[in-house]
């Protein structure tokens, strides 16, 4: 991720919040399980299961499973319209920032507040 920070304004001044702590841990038992499951995957479905992302909205089965999980686990009442599936947290954070910050319908700026960055909203210190 150094290439992204080096290309931005103010690079090197320490103002960039670290958005990469979501990288997966290398837990030996998990790595072992993935290796075993990869070897056991049926050859005819390996590409579909392991390297085919499907539609940009994701598969309806995955979206429905996520809806069911959050509704059952947390008592929520969300539907498929409340679920976004993407290739990673950094890309989804970038999309969300683009969608929900900047000028609002009333012309007021909607700032991005990054938890843990020490920055606060000018209207809500």
C-alpha atoms as a PDB file:
ATOM      1  CA  UNK A   1       0.000   0.000   0.000  1.00  0.00           C
ATOM      2  CA  UNK A   2       3.017   2.297   0.116  1.00  0.00           C
ATOM      3  CA  UNK A   3       2.475   3.116  -3.554  1.00  0.00           C
ATOM      4  CA  UNK A   4      -0.943   4.637  -2.833  1.00  0.00           C
ATOM      5  CA  UNK A   5       0.347   6.761   0.055  1.00  0.00           C
ATOM      6  CA  UNK A   6       3.386   7.889  -1.968  1.00  0.00           C
ATOM      7  CA  UNK A   7       1.181   9.070  -4.836  1.00  0.00           C
ATOM      8  CA  UNK A   8      -1.174  11.210  -2.773  1.00  0.00           C
ATOM      9  CA  UNK A   9      -0.970  14.827  -1.676  1.00  0.00           C
ATOM     10  CA  UNK A  10       1.090  15.402   1.450  1.00  0.00           C
ATOM     11  CA  UNK A  11       2.767  12.011   1.085  1.00  0.00           C
ATOM     12  CA  UNK A  12       5.242  11.346   3.819  1.00  0.00           C
ATOM     13  CA  UNK A  13       3.761  13.789   6.314  1.00  0.00           C
ATOM     14  CA  UNK A  14       2.155  11.069   8.461  1.00  0.00           C
ATOM     15  CA  UNK A  15      -1.419  12.226   7.790  1.00  0.00           C
ATOM     16  CA  UNK A  16      -2.538   9.057   6.061  1.00  0.00           C
ATOM     17  CA  UNK A  17      -4.790   6.861   8.211  1.00  0.00           C
ATOM     18  CA  UNK A  18      -3.829   3.201   8.028  1.00  0.00           C
ATOM     19  CA  UNK A  19      -6.728   1.357   6.373  1.00  0.00           C
ATOM     20  CA  UNK A  20      -4.875  -1.940   6.006  1.00  0.00           C
ATOM     21  CA  UNK A  21      -5.234  -3.594   9.415  1.00  0.00           C
ATOM     22  CA  UNK A  22      -7.830  -5.923   7.888  1.00  0.00           C
ATOM     23  CA  UNK A  23      -5.210  -8.107   6.228  1.00  0.00           C
ATOM     24  CA  UNK A  24      -5.878 -11.740   7.108  1.00  0.00           C
ATOM     25  CA  UNK A  25      -3.857 -13.371   9.851  1.00  0.00           C
ATOM     26  CA  UNK A  26      -1.859 -16.446   9.013  1.00  0.00           C
ATOM     27  CA  UNK A  27      -3.338 -18.853  11.524  1.00  0.00           C
ATOM     28  CA  UNK A  28      -1.716 -22.267  10.973  1.00  0.00           C
ATOM     29  CA  UNK A  29      -4.973 -24.204  11.458  1.00  0.00           C
ATOM     30  CA  UNK A  30      -6.806 -22.006   8.948  1.00  0.00           C
ATOM     31  CA  UNK A  31      -4.004 -22.201   6.381  1.00  0.00           C
ATOM     32  CA  UNK A  32      -3.970 -25.979   6.784  1.00  0.00           C
ATOM     33  CA  UNK A  33      -7.752 -26.189   6.366  1.00  0.00           C
ATOM     34  CA  UNK A  34      -7.673 -24.052   3.188  1.00  0.00           C
ATOM     35  CA  UNK A  35      -4.900 -26.208   1.736  1.00  0.00           C
ATOM     36  CA  UNK A  36      -6.852 -29.378   2.498  1.00  0.00           C
ATOM     37  CA  UNK A  37     -10.107 -27.991   1.105  1.00  0.00           C
ATOM     38  CA  UNK A  38      -8.351 -26.779  -2.044  1.00  0.00           C
ATOM     39  CA  UNK A  39      -6.945 -30.267  -2.647  1.00  0.00           C
ATOM     40  CA  UNK A  40     -10.361 -31.825  -2.043  1.00  0.00           C
ATOM     41  CA  UNK A  41     -12.266 -29.437  -4.325  1.00  0.00           C
ATOM     42  CA  UNK A  42     -13.834 -31.293  -7.255  1.00  0.00           C
ATOM     43  CA  UNK A  43     -11.844 -30.584 -10.398  1.00  0.00           C
ATOM     44  CA  UNK A  44     -14.884 -29.731 -12.515  1.00  0.00           C
ATOM     45  CA  UNK A  45     -15.977 -26.935 -10.126  1.00  0.00           C
ATOM     46  CA  UNK A  46     -12.562 -25.703  -8.973  1.00  0.00           C
ATOM     47  CA  UNK A  47     -12.414 -22.638 -11.240  1.00  0.00           C
ATOM     48  CA  UNK A  48     -16.027 -21.723 -10.505  1.00  0.00           C
ATOM     49  CA  UNK A  49     -15.570 -22.067  -6.749  1.00  0.00           C
ATOM     50  CA  UNK A  50     -12.072 -20.661  -6.412  1.00  0.00           C
ATOM     51  CA  UNK A  51     -11.559 -18.057  -9.090  1.00  0.00           C
ATOM     52  CA  UNK A  52     -14.884 -16.985 -10.573  1.00  0.00           C
ATOM     53  CA  UNK A  53     -16.318 -13.962  -8.832  1.00  0.00           C
ATOM     54  CA  UNK A  54     -19.689 -14.063 -10.515  1.00  0.00           C
ATOM     55  CA  UNK A  55     -21.902 -11.016 -11.000  1.00  0.00           C
ATOM     56  CA  UNK A  56     -20.868  -7.684  -9.496  1.00  0.00           C
ATOM     57  CA  UNK A  57     -23.854  -7.830  -7.125  1.00  0.00           C
ATOM     58  CA  UNK A  58     -22.532 -11.236  -5.989  1.00  0.00           C
ATOM     59  CA  UNK A  59     -24.472 -14.449  -6.002  1.00  0.00           C
ATOM     60  CA  UNK A  60     -27.972 -14.272  -4.594  1.00  0.00           C
ATOM     61  CA  UNK A  61     -27.140 -17.287  -2.386  1.00  0.00           C
ATOM     62  CA  UNK A  62     -24.269 -15.449  -0.697  1.00  0.00           C
ATOM     63  CA  UNK A  63     -26.309 -12.273  -0.223  1.00  0.00           C
ATOM     64  CA  UNK A  64     -29.230 -14.236   1.252  1.00  0.00           C
ATOM     65  CA  UNK A  65     -26.861 -16.147   3.567  1.00  0.00           C
ATOM     66  CA  UNK A  66     -25.435 -12.841   4.841  1.00  0.00           C
ATOM     67  CA  UNK A  67     -28.928 -11.404   5.350  1.00  0.00           C
ATOM     68  CA  UNK A  68     -29.976 -14.520   7.281  1.00  0.00           C
ATOM     69  CA  UNK A  69     -26.784 -14.488   9.376  1.00  0.00           C
ATOM     70  CA  UNK A  70     -27.130 -10.856  10.483  1.00  0.00           C
ATOM     71  CA  UNK A  71     -30.861 -11.136  11.083  1.00  0.00           C
ATOM     72  CA  UNK A  72     -30.511 -14.301  13.175  1.00  0.00           C
ATOM     73  CA  UNK A  73     -27.287 -13.376  14.968  1.00  0.00           C
ATOM     74  CA  UNK A  74     -28.024  -9.742  15.778  1.00  0.00           C
ATOM     75  CA  UNK A  75     -31.821  -9.578  15.595  1.00  0.00           C
ATOM     76  CA  UNK A  76     -31.688  -7.178  12.665  1.00  0.00           C
ATOM     77  CA  UNK A  77     -34.330  -6.993   9.982  1.00  0.00           C
ATOM     78  CA  UNK A  78     -32.258  -6.268   6.886  1.00  0.00           C
ATOM     79  CA  UNK A  79     -32.855  -7.414   3.346  1.00  0.00           C
ATOM     80  CA  UNK A  80     -30.687  -7.983   0.272  1.00  0.00           C
ATOM     81  CA  UNK A  81     -30.771  -4.235  -0.504  1.00  0.00           C
ATOM     82  CA  UNK A  82     -28.808  -3.635   2.729  1.00  0.00           C
ATOM     83  CA  UNK A  83     -25.909  -5.935   1.762  1.00  0.00           C
ATOM     84  CA  UNK A  84     -22.872  -4.988  -0.305  1.00  0.00           C
ATOM     85  CA  UNK A  85     -20.360  -7.644  -1.295  1.00  0.00           C
ATOM     86  CA  UNK A  86     -16.995  -6.629  -2.742  1.00  0.00           C
ATOM     87  CA  UNK A  87     -13.461  -7.852  -3.300  1.00  0.00           C
ATOM     88  CA  UNK A  88     -12.058  -6.366  -0.096  1.00  0.00           C
ATOM     89  CA  UNK A  89     -12.467  -3.867   2.699  1.00  0.00           C
ATOM     90  CA  UNK A  90     -10.172  -1.253   1.166  1.00  0.00           C
ATOM     91  CA  UNK A  91     -12.127  -1.106  -2.088  1.00  0.00           C
ATOM     92  CA  UNK A  92     -15.449  -1.055  -0.241  1.00  0.00           C
ATOM     93  CA  UNK A  93     -14.175   1.715   2.062  1.00  0.00           C
ATOM     94  CA  UNK A  94     -13.141   3.741  -0.980  1.00  0.00           C
ATOM     95  CA  UNK A  95     -16.538   3.288  -2.641  1.00  0.00           C
ATOM     96  CA  UNK A  96     -18.405   4.163   0.577  1.00  0.00           C
ATOM     97  CA  UNK A  97     -16.259   7.267   1.054  1.00  0.00           C
ATOM     98  CA  UNK A  98     -16.977   8.376  -2.512  1.00  0.00           C
ATOM     99  CA  UNK A  99     -20.704   7.768  -2.124  1.00  0.00           C
ATOM    100  CA  UNK A 100     -21.282   9.269   1.309  1.00  0.00           C
ATOM    101  CA  UNK A 101     -18.885  12.236   1.516  1.00  0.00           C
ATOM    102  CA  UNK A 102     -18.560  15.481  -0.365  1.00  0.00           C
ATOM    103  CA  UNK A 103     -21.367  17.898  -1.115  1.00  0.00           C
ATOM    104  CA  UNK A 104     -24.762  16.721   0.122  1.00  0.00           C
ATOM    105  CA  UNK A 105     -28.129  17.437  -1.488  1.00  0.00           C
ATOM    106  CA  UNK A 106     -28.333  20.652   0.548  1.00  0.00           C
ATOM    107  CA  UNK A 107     -24.877  21.795  -0.616  1.00  0.00           C
ATOM    108  CA  UNK A 108     -23.202  21.224   2.774  1.00  0.00           C
ATOM    109  CA  UNK A 109     -20.019  19.175   2.811  1.00  0.00           C
ATOM    110  CA  UNK A 110     -20.270  15.699   4.334  1.00  0.00           C
ATOM    111  CA  UNK A 111     -16.819  14.883   5.773  1.00  0.00           C
ATOM    112  CA  UNK A 112     -15.260  11.453   6.060  1.00  0.00           C
ATOM    113  CA  UNK A 113     -14.588  10.568   9.693  1.00  0.00           C
ATOM    114  CA  UNK A 114     -12.107   7.714  10.032  1.00  0.00           C
ATOM    115  CA  UNK A 115     -12.351   6.002  13.443  1.00  0.00           C
ATOM    116  CA  UNK A 116      -9.037   6.112  15.265  1.00  0.00           C
ATOM    117  CA  UNK A 117      -7.618   8.882  13.068  1.00  0.00           C
ATOM    118  CA  UNK A 118      -8.031  11.528  15.767  1.00  0.00           C
ATOM    119  CA  UNK A 119      -9.959  13.696  13.334  1.00  0.00           C
ATOM    120  CA  UNK A 120     -13.436  14.976  14.102  1.00  0.00           C
ATOM    121  CA  UNK A 121     -16.199  16.537  12.071  1.00  0.00           C
ATOM    122  CA  UNK A 122     -15.969  20.354  12.097  1.00  0.00           C
ATOM    123  CA  UNK A 123     -19.677  20.562  12.988  1.00  0.00           C
ATOM    124  CA  UNK A 124     -19.361  17.965  15.767  1.00  0.00           C
ATOM    125  CA  UNK A 125     -16.003  18.317  17.594  1.00  0.00           C
END
